[in-house]
PDB file of all heavy atoms in Angstrom:
ATOM      1  N   LYS A   1    -101.993-186.633 -29.642  1.00  0.00           N
ATOM      2  CA  LYS A   1    -102.278-185.616 -30.725  1.00  0.00           C
ATOM      3  C   LYS A   1    -103.396-186.021 -31.664  1.00  0.00           C
ATOM      4  O   LYS A   1    -104.319-185.251 -31.882  1.00  0.00           O
ATOM      5  CB  LYS A   1    -100.933-185.295 -31.492  1.00  0.00           C
ATOM      6  CG  LYS A   1    -101.142-184.372 -32.632  1.00  0.00           C
ATOM      7  CD  LYS A   1     -99.821-184.171 -33.391  1.00  0.00           C
ATOM      8  CE  LYS A   1    -100.059-183.471 -34.693  1.00  0.00           C
ATOM      9  NZ  LYS A   1     -98.890-183.455 -35.537  1.00  0.00           N
ATOM     10  N   GLN A   2    -103.346-187.269 -32.043  1.00  0.00           N
ATOM     11  CA  GLN A   2    -104.360-187.767 -32.952  1.00  0.00           C
ATOM     12  C   GLN A   2    -105.770-187.849 -32.283  1.00  0.00           C
ATOM     13  O   GLN A   2    -106.798-187.526 -32.840  1.00  0.00           O
ATOM     14  CB  GLN A   2    -103.930-189.182 -33.474  1.00  0.00           C
ATOM     15  CG  GLN A   2    -102.783-189.120 -34.449  1.00  0.00           C
ATOM     16  CD  GLN A   2    -102.939-188.111 -35.592  1.00  0.00           C
ATOM     17  OE1 GLN A   2    -104.046-188.070 -36.180  1.00  0.00           O
ATOM     18  NE2 GLN A   2    -101.961-187.381 -35.939  1.00  0.00           N
ATOM     19  N   ARG A   3    -105.681-188.230 -31.010  1.00  0.00           N
ATOM     20  CA  ARG A   3    -107.009-188.317 -30.314  1.00  0.00           C
ATOM     21  C   ARG A   3    -107.493-186.877 -30.064  1.00  0.00           C
ATOM     22  O   ARG A   3    -108.742-186.727 -30.116  1.00  0.00           O
ATOM     23  CB  ARG A   3    -106.715-188.925 -28.856  1.00  0.00           C
ATOM     24  CG  ARG A   3    -107.962-189.169 -28.089  1.00  0.00           C
ATOM     25  CD  ARG A   3    -107.698-190.136 -26.900  1.00  0.00           C
ATOM     26  NE  ARG A   3    -108.983-190.277 -26.168  1.00  0.00           N
ATOM     27  CZ  ARG A   3    -109.170-189.820 -24.989  1.00  0.00           C
ATOM     28  NH1 ARG A   3    -108.209-189.205 -24.362  1.00  0.00           N
ATOM     29  NH2 ARG A   3    -110.347-190.018 -24.400  1.00  0.00           N
ATOM     30  N   LEU A   4    -106.753-185.930 -29.797  1.00  0.00           N
ATOM     31  CA  LEU A   4    -107.088-184.512 -29.648  1.00  0.00           C
ATOM     32  C   LEU A   4    -107.727-184.021 -30.940  1.00  0.00           C
ATOM     33  O   LEU A   4    -108.770-183.377 -30.951  1.00  0.00           O
ATOM     34  CB  LEU A   4    -106.027-183.618 -29.184  1.00  0.00           C
ATOM     35  CG  LEU A   4    -106.277-182.276 -28.784  1.00  0.00           C
ATOM     36  CD1 LEU A   4    -107.241-182.273 -27.664  1.00  0.00           C
ATOM     37  CD2 LEU A   4    -105.000-181.490 -28.360  1.00  0.00           C
ATOM     38  N   ILE A   5    -107.137-184.372 -32.085  1.00  0.00           N
ATOM     39  CA  ILE A   5    -107.646-183.941 -33.359  1.00  0.00           C
ATOM     40  C   ILE A   5    -109.102-184.597 -33.582  1.00  0.00           C
ATOM     41  O   ILE A   5    -109.988-183.944 -33.957  1.00  0.00           O
ATOM     42  CB  ILE A   5    -106.720-184.338 -34.541  1.00  0.00           C
ATOM     43  CG1 ILE A   5    -105.447-183.402 -34.486  1.00  0.00           C
ATOM     44  CG2 ILE A   5    -107.356-184.228 -35.877  1.00  0.00           C
ATOM     45  CD1 ILE A   5    -104.298-183.868 -35.411  1.00  0.00           C
ATOM     46  N   SER A   6    -109.168-185.871 -33.259  1.00  0.00           N
ATOM     47  CA  SER A   6    -110.472-186.580 -33.393  1.00  0.00           C
ATOM     48  C   SER A   6    -111.521-185.964 -32.392  1.00  0.00           C
ATOM     49  O   SER A   6    -112.685-185.776 -32.828  1.00  0.00           O
ATOM     50  CB  SER A   6    -110.291-188.022 -32.984  1.00  0.00           C
ATOM     51  OG  SER A   6    -111.425-188.675 -33.016  1.00  0.00           O
ATOM     52  N   LYS A   7    -111.183-185.598 -31.273  1.00  0.00           N
ATOM     53  CA  LYS A   7    -112.037-184.923 -30.279  1.00  0.00           C
ATOM     54  C   LYS A   7    -112.471-183.560 -30.901  1.00  0.00           C
ATOM     55  O   LYS A   7    -113.605-183.157 -30.675  1.00  0.00           O
ATOM     56  CB  LYS A   7    -111.368-184.778 -28.969  1.00  0.00           C
ATOM     57  CG  LYS A   7    -111.190-186.060 -28.267  1.00  0.00           C
ATOM     58  CD  LYS A   7    -112.422-186.533 -27.610  1.00  0.00           C
ATOM     59  CE  LYS A   7    -112.248-187.770 -26.705  1.00  0.00           C
ATOM     60  NZ  LYS A   7    -113.472-188.342 -26.182  1.00  0.00           N
ATOM     61  N   ASN A   8    -111.559-182.877 -31.411  1.00  0.00           N
ATOM     62  CA  ASN A   8    -111.864-181.577 -32.030  1.00  0.00           C
ATOM     63  C   ASN A   8    -112.925-181.685 -33.156  1.00  0.00           C
ATOM     64  O   ASN A   8    -113.896-180.948 -33.256  1.00  0.00           O
ATOM     65  CB  ASN A   8    -110.605-180.819 -32.477  1.00  0.00           C
ATOM     66  CG  ASN A   8    -110.918-179.371 -32.802  1.00  0.00           C
ATOM     67  OD1 ASN A   8    -111.494-178.601 -32.034  1.00  0.00           O
ATOM     68  ND2 ASN A   8    -110.556-178.925 -34.031  1.00  0.00           N
ATOM     69  N   ASP A   9    -112.776-182.706 -33.992  1.00  0.00           N
ATOM     70  CA  ASP A   9    -113.685-182.964 -35.088  1.00  0.00           C
ATOM     71  C   ASP A   9    -115.090-183.290 -34.427  1.00  0.00           C
ATOM     72  O   ASP A   9    -116.131-182.720 -34.905  1.00  0.00           O
ATOM     73  CB  ASP A   9    -113.346-184.211 -35.868  1.00  0.00           C
ATOM     74  CG  ASP A   9    -112.115-183.911 -36.752  1.00  0.00           C
ATOM     75  OD1 ASP A   9    -111.718-182.760 -36.989  1.00  0.00           O
ATOM     76  OD2 ASP A   9    -111.530-184.931 -37.242  1.00  0.00           O
ATOM     77  N   GLU A  10    -115.143-184.097 -33.381  1.00  0.00           N
ATOM     78  CA  GLU A  10    -116.380-184.435 -32.780  1.00  0.00           C
ATOM     79  C   GLU A  10    -117.051-183.156 -32.124  1.00  0.00           C
ATOM     80  O   GLU A  10    -118.221-182.873 -32.196  1.00  0.00           O
ATOM     81  CB  GLU A  10    -116.123-185.401 -31.663  1.00  0.00           C
ATOM     82  CG  GLU A  10    -117.363-185.869 -30.884  1.00  0.00           C
ATOM     83  CD  GLU A  10    -117.133-186.789 -29.738  1.00  0.00           C
ATOM     84  OE1 GLU A  10    -116.010-187.376 -29.672  1.00  0.00           O
ATOM     85  OE2 GLU A  10    -118.049-187.085 -28.972  1.00  0.00           O
ATOM     86  N   PHE A  11    -116.149-182.305 -31.481  1.00  0.00           N
ATOM     87  CA  PHE A  11    -116.618-181.050 -30.873  1.00  0.00           C
ATOM     88  C   PHE A  11    -117.366-180.104 -31.800  1.00  0.00           C
ATOM     89  O   PHE A  11    -118.446-179.730 -31.560  1.00  0.00           O
ATOM     90  CB  PHE A  11    -115.462-180.402 -30.182  1.00  0.00           C
ATOM     91  CG  PHE A  11    -115.761-179.067 -29.532  1.00  0.00           C
ATOM     92  CD1 PHE A  11    -116.729-179.069 -28.479  1.00  0.00           C
ATOM     93  CD2 PHE A  11    -115.126-177.881 -29.889  1.00  0.00           C
ATOM     94  CE1 PHE A  11    -117.035-177.807 -27.872  1.00  0.00           C
ATOM     95  CE2 PHE A  11    -115.399-176.714 -29.297  1.00  0.00           C
ATOM     96  CZ  PHE A  11    -116.338-176.656 -28.282  1.00  0.00           C
ATOM     97  N   VAL A  12    -116.761-179.893 -32.973  1.00  0.00           N
ATOM     98  CA  VAL A  12    -117.379-178.906 -33.934  1.00  0.00           C
ATOM     99  C   VAL A  12    -118.646-179.511 -34.510  1.00  0.00           C
ATOM    100  O   VAL A  12    -119.575-178.858 -34.709  1.00  0.00           O
ATOM    101  CB  VAL A  12    -116.417-178.444 -35.045  1.00  0.00           C
ATOM    102  CG1 VAL A  12    -115.276-177.609 -34.339  1.00  0.00           C
ATOM    103  CG2 VAL A  12    -115.872-179.496 -35.896  1.00  0.00           C
ATOM    104  N   ARG A  13    -118.632-180.865 -34.745  1.00  0.00           N
ATOM    105  CA  ARG A  13    -119.864-181.537 -35.257  1.00  0.00           C
ATOM    106  C   ARG A  13    -120.994-181.509 -34.277  1.00  0.00           C
ATOM    107  O   ARG A  13    -122.040-181.178 -34.587  1.00  0.00           O
ATOM    108  CB  ARG A  13    -119.461-182.937 -35.664  1.00  0.00           C
ATOM    109  CG  ARG A  13    -120.708-183.827 -36.118  1.00  0.00           C
ATOM    110  CD  ARG A  13    -120.434-185.289 -36.342  1.00  0.00           C
ATOM    111  NE  ARG A  13    -119.780-185.931 -35.145  1.00  0.00           N
ATOM    112  CZ  ARG A  13    -120.462-186.258 -34.007  1.00  0.00           C
ATOM    113  NH1 ARG A  13    -121.794-186.079 -33.978  1.00  0.00           N
ATOM    114  NH2 ARG A  13    -119.923-186.882 -33.070  1.00  0.00           N
ATOM    115  N   ARG A  14    -120.713-181.734 -33.035  1.00  0.00           N
ATOM    116  CA  ARG A  14    -121.662-181.746 -31.991  1.00  0.00           C
ATOM    117  C   ARG A  14    -122.271-180.359 -31.790  1.00  0.00           C
ATOM    118  O   ARG A  14    -123.410-180.205 -31.527  1.00  0.00           O
ATOM    119  CB  ARG A  14    -121.205-182.245 -30.682  1.00  0.00           C
ATOM    120  CG  ARG A  14    -120.726-183.700 -30.679  1.00  0.00           C
ATOM    121  CD  ARG A  14    -121.663-184.643 -29.936  1.00  0.00           C
ATOM    122  NE  ARG A  14    -122.282-184.208 -28.799  1.00  0.00           N
ATOM    123  CZ  ARG A  14    -121.910-184.398 -27.510  1.00  0.00           C
ATOM    124  NH1 ARG A  14    -120.793-185.166 -27.279  1.00  0.00           N
ATOM    125  NH2 ARG A  14    -122.609-183.984 -26.447  1.00  0.00           N
ATOM    126  N   LEU A  15    -121.410-179.295 -31.866  1.00  0.00           N
ATOM    127  CA  LEU A  15    -121.917-177.908 -31.752  1.00  0.00           C
ATOM    128  C   LEU A  15    -122.919-177.661 -32.858  1.00  0.00           C
ATOM    129  O   LEU A  15    -123.961-177.108 -32.676  1.00  0.00           O
ATOM    130  CB  LEU A  15    -120.743-176.885 -31.821  1.00  0.00           C
ATOM    131  CG  LEU A  15    -119.902-176.789 -30.595  1.00  0.00           C
ATOM    132  CD1 LEU A  15    -118.714-175.859 -30.835  1.00  0.00           C
ATOM    133  CD2 LEU A  15    -120.739-176.320 -29.416  1.00  0.00           C
ATOM    134  N   ALA A  16    -122.518-177.965 -34.158  1.00  0.00           N
ATOM    135  CA  ALA A  16    -123.376-177.724 -35.285  1.00  0.00           C
ATOM    136  C   ALA A  16    -124.729-178.492 -35.068  1.00  0.00           C
ATOM    137  O   ALA A  16    -125.862-177.986 -35.448  1.00  0.00           O
ATOM    138  CB  ALA A  16    -122.716-178.087 -36.546  1.00  0.00           C
ATOM    139  N   GLU A  17    -124.653-179.787 -34.560  1.00  0.00           N
ATOM    140  CA  GLU A  17    -125.842-180.587 -34.443  1.00  0.00           C
ATOM    141  C   GLU A  17    -126.958-179.882 -33.408  1.00  0.00           C
ATOM    142  O   GLU A  17    -128.117-180.128 -33.580  1.00  0.00           O
ATOM    143  CB  GLU A  17    -125.524-181.971 -33.925  1.00  0.00           C
ATOM    144  CG  GLU A  17    -124.892-182.802 -34.997  1.00  0.00           C
ATOM    145  CD  GLU A  17    -124.344-184.166 -34.410  1.00  0.00           C
ATOM    146  OE1 GLU A  17    -124.258-184.334 -33.173  1.00  0.00           O
ATOM    147  OE2 GLU A  17    -124.016-185.036 -35.209  1.00  0.00           O
ATOM    148  N   VAL A  18    -126.385-179.138 -32.491  1.00  0.00           N
ATOM    149  CA  VAL A  18    -127.254-178.383 -31.555  1.00  0.00           C
ATOM    150  C   VAL A  18    -128.236-177.542 -32.324  1.00  0.00           C
ATOM    151  O   VAL A  18    -129.363-177.367 -31.834  1.00  0.00           O
ATOM    152  CB  VAL A  18    -126.455-177.583 -30.494  1.00  0.00           C
ATOM    153  CG1 VAL A  18    -127.269-176.586 -29.800  1.00  0.00           C
ATOM    154  CG2 VAL A  18    -125.737-178.513 -29.580  1.00  0.00           C
ATOM    155  N   GLY A  19    -127.845-176.897 -33.413  1.00  0.00           N
ATOM    156  CA  GLY A  19    -128.636-175.915 -34.137  1.00  0.00           C
ATOM    157  C   GLY A  19    -129.790-176.519 -35.018  1.00  0.00           C
ATOM    158  O   GLY A  19    -130.699-175.892 -35.182  1.00  0.00           O
ATOM    159  N   ILE A  20    -129.651-177.792 -35.382  1.00  0.00           N
ATOM    160  CA  ILE A  20    -130.632-178.342 -36.309  1.00  0.00           C
ATOM    161  C   ILE A  20    -132.045-178.363 -35.664  1.00  0.00           C
ATOM    162  O   ILE A  20    -133.007-177.831 -36.318  1.00  0.00           O
ATOM    163  CB  ILE A  20    -130.282-179.728 -36.779  1.00  0.00           C
ATOM    164  CG1 ILE A  20    -129.035-179.543 -37.762  1.00  0.00           C
ATOM    165  CG2 ILE A  20    -131.388-180.457 -37.535  1.00  0.00           C
ATOM    166  CD1 ILE A  20    -128.452-180.873 -38.215  1.00  0.00           C
ATOM    167  N   PRO A  21    -132.292-178.865 -34.522  1.00  0.00           N
ATOM    168  CA  PRO A  21    -133.648-178.892 -33.962  1.00  0.00           C
ATOM    169  C   PRO A  21    -134.193-177.461 -33.699  1.00  0.00           C
ATOM    170  O   PRO A  21    -135.352-177.251 -33.866  1.00  0.00           O
ATOM    171  CB  PRO A  21    -133.567-179.694 -32.644  1.00  0.00           C
ATOM    172  CG  PRO A  21    -132.106-179.951 -32.348  1.00  0.00           C
ATOM    173  CD  PRO A  21    -131.299-179.571 -33.617  1.00  0.00           C
ATOM    174  N   VAL A  22    -133.296-176.525 -33.306  1.00  0.00           N
ATOM    175  CA  VAL A  22    -133.716-175.185 -33.123  1.00  0.00           C
ATOM    176  C   VAL A  22    -134.204-174.598 -34.420  1.00  0.00           C
ATOM    177  O   VAL A  22    -135.319-173.937 -34.469  1.00  0.00           O
ATOM    178  CB  VAL A  22    -132.548-174.354 -32.504  1.00  0.00           C
ATOM    179  CG1 VAL A  22    -132.925-172.898 -32.392  1.00  0.00           C
ATOM    180  CG2 VAL A  22    -132.070-174.802 -31.215  1.00  0.00           C
ATOM    181  N   ILE A  23    -133.468-174.819 -35.488  1.00  0.00           N
ATOM    182  CA  ILE A  23    -133.900-174.311 -36.773  1.00  0.00           C
ATOM    183  C   ILE A  23    -135.216-174.914 -37.168  1.00  0.00           C
ATOM    184  O   ILE A  23    -136.147-174.181 -37.600  1.00  0.00           O
ATOM    185  CB  ILE A  23    -132.787-174.557 -37.805  1.00  0.00           C
ATOM    186  CG1 ILE A  23    -131.560-173.613 -37.597  1.00  0.00           C
ATOM    187  CG2 ILE A  23    -133.354-174.314 -39.274  1.00  0.00           C
ATOM    188  CD1 ILE A  23    -130.392-173.901 -38.355  1.00  0.00           C
ATOM    189  N   ASP A  24    -135.326-176.213 -37.110  1.00  0.00           N
ATOM    190  CA  ASP A  24    -136.522-176.869 -37.458  1.00  0.00           C
ATOM    191  C   ASP A  24    -137.735-176.441 -36.706  1.00  0.00           C
ATOM    192  O   ASP A  24    -138.846-176.206 -37.179  1.00  0.00           O
ATOM    193  CB  ASP A  24    -136.394-178.399 -37.352  1.00  0.00           C
ATOM    194  CG  ASP A  24    -135.393-178.948 -38.381  1.00  0.00           C
ATOM    195  OD1 ASP A  24    -135.096-178.258 -39.407  1.00  0.00           O
ATOM    196  OD2 ASP A  24    -134.995-180.124 -38.180  1.00  0.00           O
ATOM    197  N   GLN A  25    -137.624-176.284 -35.400  1.00  0.00           N
ATOM    198  CA  GLN A  25    -138.671-175.818 -34.532  1.00  0.00           C
ATOM    199  C   GLN A  25    -139.139-174.421 -34.845  1.00  0.00           C
ATOM    200  O   GLN A  25    -140.324-174.024 -34.966  1.00  0.00           O
ATOM    201  CB  GLN A  25    -138.370-175.939 -33.014  1.00  0.00           C
ATOM    202  CG  GLN A  25    -138.262-177.347 -32.615  1.00  0.00           C
ATOM    203  CD  GLN A  25    -137.545-177.422 -31.225  1.00  0.00           C
ATOM    204  OE1 GLN A  25    -137.068-176.398 -30.626  1.00  0.00           O
ATOM    205  NE2 GLN A  25    -137.373-178.656 -30.716  1.00  0.00           N
ATOM    206  N   ARG A  26    -138.151-173.503 -35.151  1.00  0.00           N
ATOM    207  CA  ARG A  26    -138.496-172.069 -35.375  1.00  0.00           C
ATOM    208  C   ARG A  26    -139.151-171.924 -36.687  1.00  0.00           C
ATOM    209  O   ARG A  26    -140.120-171.120 -36.864  1.00  0.00           O
ATOM    210  CB  ARG A  26    -137.193-171.249 -35.248  1.00  0.00           C
ATOM    211  CG  ARG A  26    -136.596-171.039 -33.918  1.00  0.00           C
ATOM    212  CD  ARG A  26    -137.482-170.180 -33.151  1.00  0.00           C
ATOM    213  NE  ARG A  26    -136.899-169.996 -31.775  1.00  0.00           N
ATOM    214  CZ  ARG A  26    -136.913-168.705 -31.281  1.00  0.00           C
ATOM    215  NH1 ARG A  26    -137.291-167.649 -31.920  1.00  0.00           N
ATOM    216  NH2 ARG A  26    -136.450-168.595 -30.012  1.00  0.00           N
ATOM    217  N   ILE A  27    -138.669-172.725 -37.654  1.00  0.00           N
ATOM    218  CA  ILE A  27    -139.294-172.547 -38.995  1.00  0.00           C
ATOM    219  C   ILE A  27    -140.765-173.037 -38.952  1.00  0.00           C
ATOM    220  O   ILE A  27    -141.705-172.446 -39.458  1.00  0.00           O
ATOM    221  CB  ILE A  27    -138.536-173.337 -40.046  1.00  0.00           C
ATOM    222  CG1 ILE A  27    -137.250-172.600 -40.332  1.00  0.00           C
ATOM    223  CG2 ILE A  27    -139.374-173.527 -41.413  1.00  0.00           C
ATOM    224  CD1 ILE A  27    -136.217-173.325 -41.214  1.00  0.00           C
ATOM    225  N   SER A  28    -141.000-174.183 -38.283  1.00  0.00           N
ATOM    226  CA  SER A  28    -142.379-174.775 -38.234  1.00  0.00           C
ATOM    227  C   SER A  28    -143.309-173.863 -37.441  1.00  0.00           C
ATOM    228  O   SER A  28    -144.501-173.853 -37.720  1.00  0.00           O
ATOM    229  CB  SER A  28    -142.325-176.185 -37.708  1.00  0.00           C
ATOM    230  OG  SER A  28    -142.037-176.157 -36.275  1.00  0.00           O
ATOM    231  N   ALA A  29    -142.736-173.040 -36.496  1.00  0.00           N
ATOM    232  CA  ALA A  29    -143.586-172.142 -35.642  1.00  0.00           C
ATOM    233  C   ALA A  29    -143.918-170.878 -36.361  1.00  0.00           C
ATOM    234  O   ALA A  29    -144.750-170.115 -35.821  1.00  0.00           O
ATOM    235  CB  ALA A  29    -142.869-171.899 -34.352  1.00  0.00           C
ATOM    236  N   ALA A  30    -143.259-170.524 -37.467  1.00  0.00           N
ATOM    237  CA  ALA A  30    -143.446-169.201 -38.101  1.00  0.00           C
ATOM    238  C   ALA A  30    -144.937-169.066 -38.519  1.00  0.00           C
ATOM    239  O   ALA A  30    -145.405-169.970 -39.269  1.00  0.00           O
ATOM    240  CB  ALA A  30    -142.523-168.985 -39.286  1.00  0.00           C
ATOM    241  N   GLN A  31    -145.481-167.945 -38.231  1.00  0.00           N
ATOM    242  CA  GLN A  31    -146.866-167.571 -38.676  1.00  0.00           C
ATOM    243  C   GLN A  31    -146.711-166.879 -40.018  1.00  0.00           C
ATOM    244  O   GLN A  31    -145.669-166.189 -40.282  1.00  0.00           O
ATOM    245  CB  GLN A  31    -147.511-166.670 -37.746  1.00  0.00           C
ATOM    246  CG  GLN A  31    -147.845-167.346 -36.436  1.00  0.00           C
ATOM    247  CD  GLN A  31    -148.620-166.399 -35.527  1.00  0.00           C
ATOM    248  OE1 GLN A  31    -149.713-166.047 -35.796  1.00  0.00           O
ATOM    249  NE2 GLN A  31    -147.999-165.899 -34.457  1.00  0.00           N
ATOM    250  N   GLY A  32    -147.697-167.038 -40.876  1.00  0.00           N
ATOM    251  CA  GLY A  32    -147.663-166.370 -42.092  1.00  0.00           C
ATOM    252  C   GLY A  32    -147.675-167.399 -43.356  1.00  0.00           C
ATOM    253  O   GLY A  32    -147.902-168.545 -43.050  1.00  0.00           O
ATOM    254  N   ASP A  33    -147.478-166.809 -44.553  1.00  0.00           N
ATOM    255  CA  ASP A  33    -147.603-167.693 -45.694  1.00  0.00           C
ATOM    256  C   ASP A  33    -146.336-168.051 -46.389  1.00  0.00           C
ATOM    257  O   ASP A  33    -146.403-168.490 -47.513  1.00  0.00           O
ATOM    258  CB  ASP A  33    -148.646-167.038 -46.630  1.00  0.00           C
ATOM    259  CG  ASP A  33    -148.215-165.712 -47.148  1.00  0.00           C
ATOM    260  OD1 ASP A  33    -147.123-165.177 -46.705  1.00  0.00           O
ATOM    261  OD2 ASP A  33    -148.935-165.018 -47.922  1.00  0.00           O
ATOM    262  N   SER A  34    -145.211-167.923 -45.702  1.00  0.00           N
ATOM    263  CA  SER A  34    -143.966-168.281 -46.384  1.00  0.00           C
ATOM    264  C   SER A  34    -143.915-169.814 -46.457  1.00  0.00           C
ATOM    265  O   SER A  34    -144.545-170.562 -45.606  1.00  0.00           O
ATOM    266  CB  SER A  34    -142.765-167.881 -45.577  1.00  0.00           C
ATOM    267  OG  SER A  34    -142.590-166.434 -45.758  1.00  0.00           O
ATOM    268  N   ASP A  35    -143.233-170.293 -47.429  1.00  0.00           N
ATOM    269  CA  ASP A  35    -142.998-171.739 -47.668  1.00  0.00           C
ATOM    270  C   ASP A  35    -142.048-172.204 -46.614  1.00  0.00           C
ATOM    271  O   ASP A  35    -140.965-171.753 -46.511  1.00  0.00           O
ATOM    272  CB  ASP A  35    -142.383-171.952 -49.072  1.00  0.00           C
ATOM    273  CG  ASP A  35    -142.187-173.366 -49.416  1.00  0.00           C
ATOM    274  OD1 ASP A  35    -142.355-174.230 -48.492  1.00  0.00           O
ATOM    275  OD2 ASP A  35    -141.820-173.680 -50.578  1.00  0.00           O
TER     276      ASP A  35
END
């Protein structure tokens, strides 16, 4: 049970980590004069 809880923590963290490079790449690619 404790191992499963730990794996669940890792799972949600890893899912969120997937989004960071996507966000960074999309922001840097935006054309225009936004900050």
